[in-house]
Amino acid sequence: MRDTCKLVSKSLDGITAALRTLCETHASTPMAARSNLQQAVPISFGFKMARLLATFKRHRLRLGEILPRLLVIEFGGAAGTLATISDTGLGFEMQEELAKELNLGVPEIAWHTERDRIAEIGAFLALVTGTCAKFALDVKLLMQTEVGEVSEPYYAHRGSSSTMPQKRNPISSVYITAMASTVRQLSAALFDAMVEDHERSTGPWEIEWIVLPQIATLTHSTLVHTQELLEGLEVHSDAMARNLHLTKGGIVSEAVMMELGKTVGRQVAHDLIYDLCRTAVQEHRPLIDLLSESIEVQRLGIKRVELERLCDPTNYLGLSEKMVRRVLEG
């Protein structure tokens, strides 16, 4: 587990470095946020990546907190009491010297059948790979032909279909998803291994011998694929800009509603904009035109130039860029 954690630590460094680059490059690159798989409001791609960066930074903190609890010796004799060497007066000293030789910490007491240390690292690795899988899912969705906002790194013939040469499948994301799911299932077994009888168990800890090697291998592989995916991710900002206008202004309906709500009240503004958005979809017309023609909006005296400002998705990124900077500087 110590060797595994060193590999995990190295991968976390590589992943956070790649994410920093994406955050800095795309801090203000506008795109559509999705809610229930529908377009929500505009965000920046850097904001999306900064949320991922913040998560991996938390994982880095977690790893640092876990290691002192995980990397400790277990040397206590049959039941953990050091009975065979207790009469020498050197029991604790021998334990400490052995720990020093193995470069491990010394526990406060024996832990033969208290397996929280092992379950904790398993849970941590499930958390880390779960984060990788969340990112992989987003990549798969953004790589859909109808969306096309990002692509996995290009390698000749990788991701193509045996019968459909035009395809570029999200191979790395598929691997990440499968491996992360397996890690989560295997890590659950470590919680079963915690339920051990008395001071020396009748079998539960052997579960660890079975699943830990698999968890370690799959976690490292998941992280390697994630780092390579991030380092070579192709970001199609032109597609992001195009998709911002798919709803013909609907994506900024919240901005218009909030502005009108200052005068007529939020609920009245909501109902008005809701009806106009439906008309925009049904008649395939831009929301800006319907707003300009609306008698209710005209009564409020809002000029078209102001409506155009409100209907520009790039003007409704909120504090996206500032939040990116806060994560980068934190």
Protein backbone atom coordinates (compact mmCIF):
# COMPACT_ATOMS: atom_id res chain seq x y z
CA MET A 1 0.00 0.00 0.00
CA ARG A 2 2.94 2.34 0.60
CA ASP A 3 4.19 1.76 -2.95
CA THR A 4 0.67 2.19 -4.28
CA CYS A 5 0.24 5.47 -2.45
CA LYS A 6 3.51 6.76 -3.91
CA LEU A 7 2.19 5.99 -7.39
CA VAL A 8 -1.16 7.58 -6.56
CA SER A 9 0.61 10.67 -5.24
CA LYS A 10 2.65 11.00 -8.42
CA SER A 11 -0.46 10.62 -10.56
CA LEU A 12 -2.31 13.23 -8.51
CA ASP A 13 0.54 15.65 -9.19
CA GLY A 14 0.31 14.99 -12.92
CA ILE A 15 -3.48 15.29 -12.97
CA THR A 16 -3.54 18.56 -11.05
CA ALA A 17 -0.83 20.01 -13.30
CA ALA A 18 -2.85 19.12 -16.41
CA LEU A 19 -5.99 20.57 -14.87
CA ARG A 20 -4.21 23.80 -13.99
CA THR A 21 -3.27 24.23 -17.63
CA LEU A 22 -6.85 23.66 -18.77
CA CYS A 23 -8.18 26.06 -16.14
CA GLU A 24 -5.77 28.80 -17.11
CA THR A 25 -6.36 28.34 -20.84
CA HIS A 26 -10.16 28.19 -20.65
CA ALA A 27 -10.99 30.33 -17.63
CA SER A 28 -13.32 32.43 -19.78
CA THR A 29 -14.19 30.00 -22.61
CA PRO A 30 -18.01 30.01 -22.59
CA MET A 31 -20.04 26.82 -22.79
CA ALA A 32 -23.43 25.53 -21.70
CA ALA A 33 -23.83 24.01 -18.25
CA ARG A 34 -26.12 20.99 -18.17
CA SER A 35 -28.83 20.20 -15.66
CA ASN A 36 -30.73 16.92 -16.05
CA LEU A 37 -28.87 16.62 -19.38
CA GLN A 38 -30.55 19.83 -20.59
CA GLN A 39 -28.81 23.13 -21.17
CA ALA A 40 -28.95 25.21 -18.00
CA VAL A 41 -27.02 28.50 -17.93
CA PRO A 42 -23.67 29.52 -19.42
CA ILE A 43 -20.46 28.67 -17.60
CA SER A 44 -16.85 28.63 -18.68
CA PHE A 45 -15.01 25.42 -19.51
CA GLY A 46 -12.34 26.56 -17.07
CA PHE A 47 -15.01 26.66 -14.35
CA LYS A 48 -15.92 23.05 -15.16
CA MET A 49 -12.26 22.02 -14.94
CA ALA A 50 -11.66 24.08 -11.80
CA ARG A 51 -14.34 22.10 -9.97
CA LEU A 52 -12.46 18.95 -10.91
CA LEU A 53 -9.16 20.52 -9.85
CA ALA A 54 -10.61 21.49 -6.47
CA THR A 55 -11.78 17.90 -5.98
CA PHE A 56 -8.35 16.45 -6.75
CA LYS A 57 -6.78 18.97 -4.38
CA ARG A 58 -9.06 17.63 -1.66
CA HIS A 59 -7.94 14.12 -2.54
CA ARG A 60 -4.34 15.26 -2.10
CA LEU A 61 -5.20 16.52 1.38
CA ARG A 62 -7.01 13.28 2.21
CA LEU A 63 -4.02 11.19 1.19
CA GLY A 64 -1.73 13.22 3.43
CA GLU A 65 -4.11 12.72 6.35
CA ILE A 66 -4.52 8.98 5.75
CA LEU A 67 -0.87 7.98 5.38
CA PRO A 68 0.14 8.41 9.06
CA ARG A 69 -2.78 6.18 10.05
CA LEU A 70 -2.15 3.62 7.34
CA LEU A 71 1.62 3.22 7.40
CA VAL A 72 2.11 1.78 10.88
CA ILE A 73 3.63 -1.47 12.05
CA GLU A 74 1.68 -4.36 13.52
CA PHE A 75 4.04 -6.19 15.87
CA GLY A 76 2.44 -7.42 19.02
CA GLY A 77 2.45 -11.17 19.22
CA ALA A 78 -0.47 -13.56 19.19
CA ALA A 79 -3.06 -11.24 20.71
CA GLY A 80 -1.13 -7.98 20.42
CA THR A 81 0.11 -7.75 24.03
CA LEU A 82 3.84 -8.30 23.36
CA ALA A 83 3.64 -10.95 26.10
CA THR A 84 6.65 -12.96 24.89
CA ILE A 85 9.03 -10.03 25.33
CA SER A 86 7.25 -8.08 28.04
CA ASP A 87 9.59 -9.35 30.75
CA THR A 88 12.66 -7.96 28.97
CA GLY A 89 11.64 -4.38 29.64
CA LEU A 90 12.35 -3.67 25.98
CA GLY A 91 9.00 -4.54 24.42
CA PHE A 92 8.13 -1.05 23.21
CA GLU A 93 11.74 -0.31 22.27
CA MET A 94 11.90 -3.43 20.10
CA GLN A 95 8.62 -2.47 18.46
CA GLU A 96 9.92 1.04 17.75
CA GLU A 97 13.24 -0.19 16.35
CA LEU A 98 11.51 -2.62 14.01
CA ALA A 99 9.17 0.14 12.87
CA LYS A 100 12.17 2.37 12.22
CA GLU A 101 13.85 -0.39 10.20
CA LEU A 102 10.70 -0.76 8.08
CA ASN A 103 10.13 3.01 7.84
CA LEU A 104 6.73 2.71 9.46
CA GLY A 105 5.00 4.44 12.33
CA VAL A 106 4.23 2.90 15.70
CA PRO A 107 0.55 2.42 16.58
CA GLU A 108 -0.83 3.34 19.97
CA ILE A 109 -1.99 -0.27 20.46
CA ALA A 110 -2.26 -3.52 18.51
CA TRP A 111 -4.75 -3.62 15.64
CA HIS A 112 -4.92 -7.24 14.50
CA THR A 113 -8.71 -7.14 14.16
CA GLU A 114 -9.32 -3.39 13.95
CA ARG A 115 -9.10 -2.98 10.16
CA ASP A 116 -10.30 0.59 9.79
CA ARG A 117 -6.88 1.59 8.45
CA ILE A 118 -7.25 -0.71 5.47
CA ALA A 119 -10.91 0.07 4.90
CA GLU A 120 -10.07 3.78 4.95
CA ILE A 121 -7.48 3.54 2.19
CA GLY A 122 -9.89 1.41 0.16
CA ALA A 123 -12.59 4.04 0.57
CA PHE A 124 -10.12 6.75 -0.42
CA LEU A 125 -9.14 4.93 -3.60
CA ALA A 126 -12.82 4.47 -4.41
CA LEU A 127 -13.30 8.23 -3.96
CA VAL A 128 -10.36 9.07 -6.22
CA THR A 129 -11.39 6.71 -9.00
CA GLY A 130 -14.99 7.85 -8.61
CA THR A 131 -13.86 11.39 -9.39
CA CYS A 132 -12.03 10.10 -12.46
CA ALA A 133 -15.21 8.30 -13.56
CA LYS A 134 -17.32 11.45 -13.15
CA PHE A 135 -14.91 13.28 -15.45
CA ALA A 136 -14.92 10.37 -17.91
CA LEU A 137 -18.72 10.42 -18.01
CA ASP A 138 -18.71 14.13 -18.84
CA VAL A 139 -16.16 13.52 -21.60
CA LYS A 140 -18.31 10.76 -23.09
CA LEU A 141 -21.34 13.03 -23.11
CA LEU A 142 -19.42 15.99 -24.54
CA MET A 143 -17.94 13.75 -27.26
CA GLN A 144 -21.35 12.80 -28.62
CA THR A 145 -21.62 13.65 -32.32
CA GLU A 146 -24.48 16.08 -31.68
CA VAL A 147 -22.47 17.90 -28.99
CA GLY A 148 -18.84 17.65 -30.08
CA GLU A 149 -17.38 19.99 -27.47
CA VAL A 150 -14.33 17.91 -26.53
CA SER A 151 -12.44 14.94 -27.93
CA GLU A 152 -10.08 12.42 -26.41
CA PRO A 153 -6.46 12.64 -27.59
CA TYR A 154 -6.03 11.40 -31.13
CA TYR A 155 -4.07 8.22 -31.85
CA ALA A 156 -4.21 6.60 -35.27
CA HIS A 157 -7.02 4.02 -35.45
CA ARG A 158 -7.69 4.22 -31.71
CA GLY A 159 -11.38 4.52 -31.05
CA SER A 160 -12.43 3.73 -34.59
CA SER A 161 -15.02 1.06 -35.27
CA SER A 162 -14.29 -2.16 -37.16
CA THR A 163 -17.22 -1.39 -39.47
CA MET A 164 -17.68 2.38 -39.06
CA PRO A 165 -14.38 4.13 -39.86
CA GLN A 166 -15.80 7.59 -39.15
CA LYS A 167 -16.21 6.91 -35.44
CA ARG A 168 -13.95 8.22 -32.72
CA ASN A 169 -15.00 6.39 -29.61
CA PRO A 170 -14.12 7.58 -26.06
CA ILE A 171 -11.85 4.62 -25.34
CA SER A 172 -9.97 6.06 -22.34
CA SER A 173 -13.22 7.19 -20.76
CA VAL A 174 -14.66 3.70 -21.24
CA TYR A 175 -11.66 2.13 -19.48
CA ILE A 176 -11.82 4.66 -16.66
CA THR A 177 -15.53 4.03 -16.13
CA ALA A 178 -15.12 0.25 -16.01
CA MET A 179 -12.09 0.24 -13.72
CA ALA A 180 -13.48 2.85 -11.31
CA SER A 181 -16.72 0.90 -10.98
CA THR A 182 -14.75 -2.25 -10.17
CA VAL A 183 -12.69 -0.41 -7.53
CA ARG A 184 -15.88 0.77 -5.84
CA GLN A 185 -17.26 -2.75 -5.72
CA LEU A 186 -14.00 -4.24 -4.43
CA SER A 187 -13.58 -1.53 -1.79
CA ALA A 188 -16.94 -2.51 -0.30
CA ALA A 189 -15.41 -5.90 0.53
CA LEU A 190 -12.89 -4.16 2.79
CA PHE A 191 -15.76 -3.04 5.01
CA ASP A 192 -16.80 -6.66 5.33
CA ALA A 193 -13.21 -7.42 6.34
CA MET A 194 -13.64 -5.07 9.30
CA VAL A 195 -16.12 -7.42 10.96
CA GLU A 196 -13.59 -9.67 12.68
CA ASP A 197 -13.97 -11.83 15.72
CA HIS A 198 -12.16 -11.12 18.97
CA GLU A 199 -8.36 -10.60 18.87
CA ARG A 200 -7.50 -12.91 15.99
CA SER A 201 -10.09 -13.56 13.33
CA THR A 202 -11.36 -16.65 11.59
CA GLY A 203 -11.04 -15.36 8.06
CA PRO A 204 -12.39 -11.88 7.29
CA TRP A 205 -8.99 -10.22 6.91
CA GLU A 206 -8.06 -12.67 4.13
CA ILE A 207 -10.55 -10.67 2.07
CA GLU A 208 -7.94 -7.93 2.03
CA TRP A 209 -5.38 -10.23 0.45
CA ILE A 210 -7.79 -10.91 -2.40
CA VAL A 211 -9.06 -7.41 -3.20
CA LEU A 212 -6.25 -5.02 -2.25
CA PRO A 213 -3.90 -6.02 -5.10
CA GLN A 214 -6.75 -5.57 -7.59
CA ILE A 215 -7.77 -2.23 -6.09
CA ALA A 216 -4.19 -0.99 -6.23
CA THR A 217 -3.64 -2.04 -9.83
CA LEU A 218 -6.97 -0.72 -11.11
CA THR A 219 -6.64 2.57 -9.23
CA HIS A 220 -3.23 3.28 -10.67
CA SER A 221 -4.37 2.39 -14.17
CA THR A 222 -7.43 4.62 -13.79
CA LEU A 223 -5.26 7.54 -12.74
CA VAL A 224 -2.79 6.99 -15.60
CA HIS A 225 -5.62 7.01 -18.15
CA THR A 226 -7.13 10.10 -16.53
CA GLN A 227 -3.85 12.00 -16.65
CA GLU A 228 -3.26 11.10 -20.30
CA LEU A 229 -6.82 12.09 -21.14
CA LEU A 230 -6.45 15.48 -19.46
CA GLU A 231 -3.05 16.19 -20.96
CA GLY A 232 -4.24 15.49 -24.50
CA LEU A 233 -7.86 16.66 -24.24
CA GLU A 234 -9.00 18.50 -27.36
CA VAL A 235 -11.32 21.38 -26.50
CA HIS A 236 -13.58 22.56 -29.31
CA SER A 237 -14.52 26.08 -28.25
CA ASP A 238 -16.22 26.71 -31.59
CA ALA A 239 -18.67 23.88 -30.89
CA MET A 240 -19.23 25.23 -27.38
CA ALA A 241 -20.08 28.65 -28.85
CA ARG A 242 -22.37 27.08 -31.43
CA ASN A 243 -24.23 25.04 -28.84
CA LEU A 244 -24.80 28.12 -26.69
CA HIS A 245 -27.19 29.35 -29.37
CA LEU A 246 -29.13 26.11 -29.88
CA THR A 247 -31.97 27.29 -27.67
CA LYS A 248 -32.24 30.59 -29.56
CA GLY A 249 -31.65 32.56 -26.39
CA GLY A 250 -33.34 30.21 -23.96
CA ILE A 251 -30.07 29.54 -22.16
CA VAL A 252 -30.04 33.13 -20.84
CA SER A 253 -33.74 33.23 -19.98
CA GLU A 254 -32.77 33.40 -16.30
CA ALA A 255 -30.79 36.58 -16.91
CA VAL A 256 -33.74 38.22 -18.69
CA MET A 257 -36.20 37.02 -16.04
CA MET A 258 -34.12 38.41 -13.20
CA GLU A 259 -33.79 41.77 -14.94
CA LEU A 260 -37.52 42.06 -15.67
CA GLY A 261 -38.28 40.79 -12.19
CA LYS A 262 -36.78 43.94 -10.71
CA THR A 263 -39.79 45.81 -12.08
CA VAL A 264 -42.71 43.37 -12.39
CA GLY A 265 -41.71 40.77 -9.81
CA ARG A 266 -39.98 37.46 -10.26
CA GLN A 267 -43.06 35.26 -10.76
CA VAL A 268 -44.64 37.54 -13.35
CA ALA A 269 -41.33 37.77 -15.17
CA HIS A 270 -40.91 33.98 -14.99
CA ASP A 271 -44.29 33.31 -16.57
CA LEU A 272 -43.70 35.88 -19.30
CA ILE A 273 -40.28 34.55 -20.26
CA TYR A 274 -41.52 30.96 -20.02
CA ASP A 275 -44.17 31.65 -22.64
CA LEU A 276 -41.74 33.50 -24.89
CA CYS A 277 -39.22 30.64 -24.68
CA ARG A 278 -41.90 28.15 -25.73
CA THR A 279 -42.81 30.36 -28.66
CA ALA A 280 -39.14 30.67 -29.63
CA VAL A 281 -38.86 26.88 -29.83
CA GLN A 282 -42.17 26.37 -31.61
CA GLU A 283 -41.60 29.10 -34.19
CA HIS A 284 -37.82 28.69 -34.45
CA ARG A 285 -37.27 32.35 -33.66
CA PRO A 286 -34.64 34.05 -31.48
CA LEU A 287 -35.76 35.05 -28.01
CA ILE A 288 -34.36 38.55 -28.57
CA ASP A 289 -36.85 39.17 -31.38
CA LEU A 290 -39.80 37.95 -29.33
CA LEU A 291 -38.72 40.10 -26.41
CA SER A 292 -38.51 43.16 -28.64
CA GLU A 293 -42.02 42.49 -29.98
CA SER A 294 -43.56 41.76 -26.59
CA ILE A 295 -46.05 44.42 -25.48
CA GLU A 296 -45.31 43.63 -21.83
CA VAL A 297 -41.58 44.17 -22.34
CA GLN A 298 -42.16 47.35 -24.35
CA ARG A 299 -44.21 48.76 -21.47
CA LEU A 300 -41.15 48.39 -19.25
CA GLY A 301 -39.21 50.67 -21.57
CA ILE A 302 -36.28 48.29 -22.03
CA LYS A 303 -34.41 49.13 -25.25
CA ARG A 304 -33.35 46.43 -27.72
CA VAL A 305 -29.68 47.17 -27.11
CA GLU A 306 -30.17 46.29 -23.44
CA LEU A 307 -32.10 43.15 -24.40
CA GLU A 308 -29.24 42.13 -26.70
CA ARG A 309 -26.82 42.51 -23.79
CA LEU A 310 -29.02 40.32 -21.61
CA CYS A 311 -29.38 37.71 -24.37
CA ASP A 312 -25.65 37.35 -24.96
CA PRO A 313 -24.55 34.13 -23.19
CA THR A 314 -21.01 35.43 -22.74
CA ASN A 315 -22.39 38.17 -20.49
CA TYR A 316 -23.93 35.67 -18.07
CA LEU A 317 -20.97 33.65 -16.82
CA GLY A 318 -21.45 34.88 -13.28
CA LEU A 319 -18.28 34.58 -11.21
CA SER A 320 -16.98 31.65 -13.26
CA GLU A 321 -13.62 33.20 -14.05
CA LYS A 322 -13.07 34.55 -10.54
CA MET A 323 -13.86 31.14 -9.07
CA VAL A 324 -11.32 29.56 -11.43
CA ARG A 325 -8.71 32.02 -10.18
CA ARG A 326 -9.62 31.28 -6.58
CA VAL A 327 -9.10 27.55 -7.09
CA LEU A 328 -5.82 28.12 -8.95
CA GLU A 329 -4.50 30.41 -6.24
CA GLY A 330 -5.82 28.40 -3.29
